[in-house]
Protein backbone atom coordinates (compact mmCIF):
# COMPACT_ATOMS: atom_id res chain seq x y z
CA MET A 1 -10.67 -80.04 -241.70
CA ASP A 2 -10.97 -83.88 -240.19
CA PHE A 3 -13.66 -84.38 -243.01
CA LEU A 4 -11.34 -83.07 -245.67
CA VAL A 5 -8.21 -85.01 -244.74
CA ASN A 6 -10.42 -88.20 -244.19
CA THR A 7 -12.15 -87.69 -247.43
CA ILE A 8 -8.56 -87.20 -249.43
CA ILE A 9 -7.13 -90.02 -247.45
CA LYS A 10 -10.03 -92.32 -248.53
CA THR A 11 -9.82 -91.30 -252.11
CA ILE A 12 -6.20 -92.26 -252.13
CA ILE A 13 -6.86 -95.67 -250.93
CA ASP A 14 -10.00 -95.93 -253.44
CA THR A 15 -7.81 -95.02 -256.30
CA LEU A 16 -5.11 -97.36 -255.40
CA TYR A 17 -7.62 -100.11 -254.66
CA LEU A 18 -8.95 -99.77 -258.27
CA THR A 19 -5.58 -98.96 -260.20
CA GLY A 20 -2.71 -99.93 -257.74
CA MET A 21 -2.61 -103.35 -259.19
CA ILE A 22 -2.28 -102.33 -262.50
CA ILE A 23 0.42 -99.88 -261.54
CA LEU A 24 2.33 -102.15 -259.57
CA VAL A 25 2.38 -105.04 -262.19
CA GLY A 26 3.01 -102.36 -264.89
CA PHE A 27 6.44 -101.33 -263.36
CA ILE A 28 7.21 -105.31 -262.78
CA LEU A 29 6.71 -105.70 -266.24
CA GLY A 30 8.94 -102.94 -267.30
CA PHE A 31 11.50 -104.21 -265.10
CA LEU A 32 11.28 -107.94 -266.60
CA ARG A 33 11.01 -106.47 -270.23
CA GLY A 34 14.40 -104.24 -269.59
CA HIS A 35 16.31 -106.90 -268.48
CA SER A 36 14.80 -109.58 -270.82
CA MET A 37 15.49 -107.21 -274.12
CA GLY A 38 18.90 -106.32 -272.28
CA ASN A 39 19.76 -110.50 -272.39
CA PHE A 40 18.71 -110.84 -275.83
CA GLN A 41 20.37 -108.06 -277.48
CA ARG A 42 23.87 -109.25 -275.50
CA SER A 43 23.24 -112.61 -276.53
CA PHE A 44 22.45 -112.26 -280.39
CA GLY A 45 22.17 -108.65 -280.98
CA PHE A 46 19.33 -106.38 -281.70
CA LYS A 47 18.15 -109.08 -284.51
CA ALA A 48 16.80 -111.10 -281.08
CA VAL A 49 14.77 -107.98 -280.17
CA ALA A 50 13.52 -107.46 -283.78
CA ILE A 51 12.08 -110.92 -283.90
CA THR A 52 10.11 -110.51 -280.91
CA GLY A 53 8.83 -106.83 -282.00
CA VAL A 54 7.73 -108.17 -285.42
CA ILE A 55 4.83 -109.80 -283.33
CA GLY A 56 4.65 -107.99 -279.93
CA VAL A 57 4.79 -104.52 -281.20
CA PRO A 58 1.93 -104.62 -283.62
CA ILE A 59 -0.09 -106.02 -280.91
CA HIS A 60 0.99 -103.34 -278.41
CA GLU A 61 0.25 -100.55 -280.60
CA MET A 62 -3.27 -101.95 -281.69
CA SER A 63 -4.06 -102.37 -278.12
CA HIS A 64 -3.53 -98.53 -277.63
CA ALA A 65 -5.42 -97.70 -280.65
CA ILE A 66 -8.74 -99.87 -279.82
CA PHE A 67 -8.52 -97.97 -276.54
CA CYS A 68 -8.32 -94.70 -278.14
CA VAL A 69 -11.25 -95.97 -280.16
CA LEU A 70 -13.39 -96.85 -276.74
CA PHE A 71 -12.55 -93.35 -275.48
CA GLY A 72 -13.38 -91.39 -278.27
CA HIS A 73 -9.92 -90.01 -279.18
CA LYS A 74 -8.95 -89.10 -282.54
CA ILE A 75 -5.92 -91.24 -284.00
CA LYS A 76 -3.99 -89.28 -285.97
CA LYS A 77 -1.45 -92.05 -287.18
CA VAL A 78 -0.55 -95.51 -286.44
CA VAL A 79 2.61 -96.98 -286.79
CA LEU A 80 2.66 -100.83 -286.10
CA LEU A 81 5.96 -101.38 -286.77
CA GLN A 82 9.29 -99.63 -288.35
CA ARG A 83 12.86 -99.76 -288.09
CA ARG A 84 14.13 -98.47 -284.56
CA ASP A 85 14.84 -94.78 -284.77
CA GLU A 86 17.37 -92.83 -282.58
CA ASN A 87 14.88 -93.03 -279.23
CA GLY A 88 14.79 -96.99 -279.88
CA VAL A 89 10.61 -96.62 -280.73
CA LEU A 90 9.64 -99.50 -282.96
CA GLY A 91 5.89 -98.24 -283.37
CA TYR A 92 3.71 -95.58 -281.98
CA VAL A 93 0.04 -94.64 -282.08
CA SER A 94 -0.70 -90.56 -282.39
CA HIS A 95 -3.86 -89.41 -280.84
CA ALA A 96 -5.63 -86.40 -279.70
CA TYR A 97 -8.44 -85.60 -277.17
CA ASN A 98 -10.92 -82.97 -275.99
CA PRO A 99 -9.43 -81.26 -272.90
CA ASN A 100 -12.97 -80.61 -272.20
CA SER A 101 -14.16 -84.19 -271.82
CA VAL A 102 -13.56 -85.76 -268.54
CA TYR A 103 -14.39 -89.11 -270.25
CA GLN A 104 -11.64 -88.63 -272.88
CA GLN A 105 -9.33 -87.20 -270.18
CA ALA A 106 -9.79 -90.37 -268.06
CA GLY A 107 -9.42 -92.48 -271.15
CA ASN A 108 -5.83 -91.49 -271.23
CA PHE A 109 -4.95 -93.81 -268.24
CA PHE A 110 -6.74 -96.71 -270.08
CA ILE A 111 -4.99 -96.18 -273.26
CA GLY A 112 -1.72 -95.74 -271.51
CA ILE A 113 -1.99 -99.27 -269.81
CA ALA A 114 -3.86 -101.01 -273.03
CA PRO A 115 -0.89 -103.16 -274.08
CA ILE A 116 -1.13 -105.06 -270.98
CA PHE A 117 -4.65 -105.96 -271.58
CA GLY A 118 -4.48 -106.40 -275.08
CA GLY A 119 -1.21 -108.47 -275.06
CA ILE A 120 -2.94 -110.76 -272.38
CA SER A 121 -6.02 -110.92 -274.29
CA VAL A 122 -4.26 -112.43 -277.28
CA ILE A 123 -2.26 -114.77 -275.10
CA ILE A 124 -5.34 -116.22 -273.79
CA ALA A 125 -7.09 -116.24 -276.97
CA LEU A 126 -3.92 -118.11 -278.59
CA MET A 127 -3.98 -120.33 -275.13
CA HIS A 128 -7.72 -121.05 -276.24
CA ILE A 129 -6.69 -122.13 -279.75
CA ILE A 130 -3.35 -123.84 -279.51
CA ILE A 131 -3.54 -125.61 -275.94
CA PRO A 132 -7.21 -125.64 -275.27
CA LYS A 133 -6.85 -127.76 -272.51
CA THR A 134 -4.67 -125.12 -270.53
CA TYR A 135 -7.08 -122.45 -271.51
CA ASN A 136 -10.34 -124.53 -269.76
CA GLU A 137 -8.19 -124.75 -266.45
CA PHE A 138 -7.44 -120.98 -266.72
CA ILE A 139 -11.16 -120.28 -267.33
CA ASN A 140 -12.19 -122.67 -264.36
CA ILE A 141 -9.91 -121.00 -262.02
CA SER A 142 -10.96 -117.72 -262.95
CA LEU A 143 -14.98 -118.50 -262.27
CA ASN A 144 -13.87 -120.23 -258.90
CA ASN A 145 -12.03 -117.12 -257.92
CA ILE A 146 -14.96 -115.06 -258.99
CA ASN A 147 -16.99 -116.69 -256.03
CA ILE A 148 -15.07 -115.46 -253.69
CA THR A 149 -17.12 -112.75 -251.72
CA SER A 150 -14.37 -111.57 -248.94
CA ILE A 151 -10.80 -111.27 -248.65
CA SER A 152 -9.07 -113.43 -245.92
CA PRO A 153 -5.45 -115.46 -245.23
CA GLU A 154 -7.21 -118.26 -246.10
CA THR A 155 -8.94 -116.77 -249.55
CA ILE A 156 -5.45 -115.41 -250.45
CA LYS A 157 -3.96 -118.68 -250.18
CA VAL A 158 -7.00 -120.46 -252.15
CA ILE A 159 -6.23 -117.58 -254.95
CA LEU A 160 -2.59 -118.19 -254.97
CA ASN A 161 -2.51 -121.95 -254.88
CA SER A 162 -5.11 -121.78 -258.05
CA TYR A 163 -2.89 -120.00 -260.10
CA ILE A 164 0.34 -122.35 -259.08
CA ASP A 165 -1.82 -125.08 -260.29
CA LEU A 166 -1.94 -123.21 -263.29
CA ILE A 167 1.79 -122.93 -263.86
CA LYS A 168 1.82 -126.62 -263.32
CA THR A 169 -0.82 -126.96 -265.92
CA ILE A 170 0.98 -125.09 -268.56
CA PHE A 171 4.35 -126.84 -267.92
CA SER A 172 2.85 -130.15 -267.66
CA MET A 173 4.81 -133.43 -269.35
CA ASN A 174 1.92 -133.23 -271.79
CA ASN A 175 2.58 -129.62 -272.78
CA LEU A 176 6.44 -130.01 -273.09
CA ALA A 177 6.17 -132.97 -275.53
CA ASN A 178 3.40 -130.87 -277.45
CA PRO A 179 5.22 -129.22 -280.75
CA TYR A 180 2.02 -126.82 -280.70
CA PHE A 181 2.80 -126.07 -276.94
CA ILE A 182 6.27 -124.92 -278.08
CA LEU A 183 4.70 -122.78 -280.85
CA PHE A 184 2.44 -121.07 -278.23
CA LEU A 185 5.16 -120.53 -275.79
CA PHE A 186 7.32 -118.84 -278.61
CA LEU A 187 4.62 -116.43 -279.57
CA ALA A 188 3.73 -115.83 -275.85
CA ILE A 189 7.23 -114.85 -275.49
CA CYS A 190 7.15 -112.45 -278.37
CA ILE A 191 4.16 -110.70 -277.11
CA SER A 192 5.08 -110.42 -273.42
CA SER A 193 8.56 -109.03 -274.50
CA HIS A 194 6.31 -105.98 -275.55
CA ILE A 195 3.55 -106.00 -273.18
CA SER A 196 5.02 -103.64 -270.53
CA LEU A 197 4.64 -99.77 -270.77
CA SER A 198 7.10 -97.27 -272.59
CA SER A 199 8.00 -94.08 -270.57
CA ALA A 200 5.49 -92.37 -273.10
CA ASP A 201 2.86 -94.66 -272.18
CA ILE A 202 3.42 -94.24 -268.50
CA LYS A 203 3.30 -90.21 -269.11
CA GLY A 204 -0.08 -90.55 -270.83
CA ALA A 205 -1.45 -92.83 -268.17
CA SER A 206 -0.46 -90.36 -265.26
CA LYS A 207 -2.93 -87.74 -266.90
CA GLY A 208 -5.67 -90.07 -266.83
CA LEU A 209 -4.65 -91.23 -263.18
CA ILE A 210 -4.96 -87.56 -262.07
CA ILE A 211 -8.69 -87.15 -263.67
CA ILE A 212 -9.67 -90.73 -262.28
CA PHE A 213 -8.41 -89.50 -258.55
CA LEU A 214 -10.38 -86.21 -258.83
CA LEU A 215 -13.63 -88.35 -259.91
CA ILE A 216 -13.46 -90.56 -256.88
CA LEU A 217 -12.76 -87.50 -254.69
CA VAL A 218 -16.01 -85.94 -256.00
CA VAL A 219 -17.81 -89.30 -255.39
CA ASN A 220 -16.27 -89.38 -251.88
CA VAL A 221 -17.03 -85.72 -250.92
CA PHE A 222 -20.83 -85.99 -251.85
CA GLY A 223 -21.17 -89.45 -250.11
CA PHE A 224 -21.99 -91.37 -253.48
CA SER A 225 -19.57 -93.97 -252.49
CA ARG A 226 -22.23 -95.74 -250.49
CA PHE A 227 -23.86 -96.78 -253.74
CA PHE A 228 -21.09 -98.75 -254.98
CA VAL A 229 -21.15 -102.41 -253.95
CA ALA A 230 -17.86 -103.36 -252.20
CA GLU A 231 -18.41 -107.04 -253.33
CA SER A 232 -18.54 -106.00 -256.98
CA ILE A 233 -15.32 -104.00 -256.63
CA LEU A 234 -13.72 -106.97 -254.96
CA LYS A 235 -14.89 -109.32 -257.99
CA TYR A 236 -13.34 -106.69 -260.45
CA ASN A 237 -9.96 -107.03 -258.64
CA ILE A 238 -10.09 -110.74 -258.57
CA VAL A 239 -10.49 -110.75 -261.97
CA LEU A 240 -8.01 -108.14 -262.46
CA ILE A 241 -5.50 -110.06 -260.64
CA GLY A 242 -6.19 -113.24 -262.63
CA PHE A 243 -5.19 -111.27 -266.00
CA LEU A 244 -2.16 -109.63 -264.17
CA ILE A 245 -1.06 -113.05 -262.86
CA VAL A 246 -0.99 -114.33 -266.45
CA SER A 247 1.20 -111.54 -267.69
CA LEU A 248 3.74 -111.97 -265.12
CA ILE A 249 3.93 -115.59 -265.52
CA PHE A 250 4.67 -115.16 -269.25
CA SER A 251 7.24 -112.04 -268.83
CA SER A 252 9.02 -114.08 -266.19
CA ILE A 253 9.24 -116.89 -268.31
CA THR A 254 10.86 -114.66 -271.05
CA TYR A 255 13.16 -113.42 -268.38
CA ILE A 256 14.33 -116.80 -267.60
CA VAL A 257 14.63 -118.11 -271.09
CA SER A 258 16.73 -114.71 -271.93
CA LEU A 259 18.70 -115.15 -268.96
CA LEU A 260 19.60 -118.89 -269.49
CA LEU A 261 20.28 -117.94 -273.45
CA SER A 262 22.56 -115.08 -272.17
CA ILE A 263 24.56 -117.56 -269.93
CA ILE A 264 24.89 -120.04 -272.67
CA LYS A 265 25.95 -117.80 -275.14
CA ASN A 266 28.52 -116.40 -272.83
């Protein structure tokens, strides 16, 4: 009985260690998006939401579609952008999978959270094209953080300071005076406005999360967990946190801009 309880507790911790940051940031992004869209709509009507949607929604839906292909799901229909329906849906991806395939079932989690990675990847790509100096700083920060081999209060402080430096680099005086940066910021706001997960995304991801939990449980029950290198998992989390911090930076910027516009308008 003690073995079973300890194994289940370890499995919960392992599952949270692998997916917890994504889930936490996903909910924060949802909170920021909801308030940002509310501010835009109160200030300028639904047209403001539609403007961000022209760029942000197709990237959101394409992210789902790409991950559907990666995990072997059959795509039945892709609508990258449409007029808002009665449920407020601007786009969707309809897909099917083999319920007997563990791989495809686990894929539901990654398909559900795909817009976070798809949106951030596009923002980083735009950073590389439009403001390459900031992009190089981001890459340098990421490479330096990957070299961290253990977590301690000091290393956490180093990681946080590195991303504070990134924010300073993004909003340097040189960038603020650069018209290309304004273009980048507009595109980043449009993308981050639709980077969060819808209720349908969360529902789909939860199906895959259950399978991931069961897979980790099997690994722990049979003792295979000793073959996993803790340092590799640590590096995975550090890289993941780097991506998620970028998503939080631009989603927070979107919220602040929407709030300021709402205050000025009213």
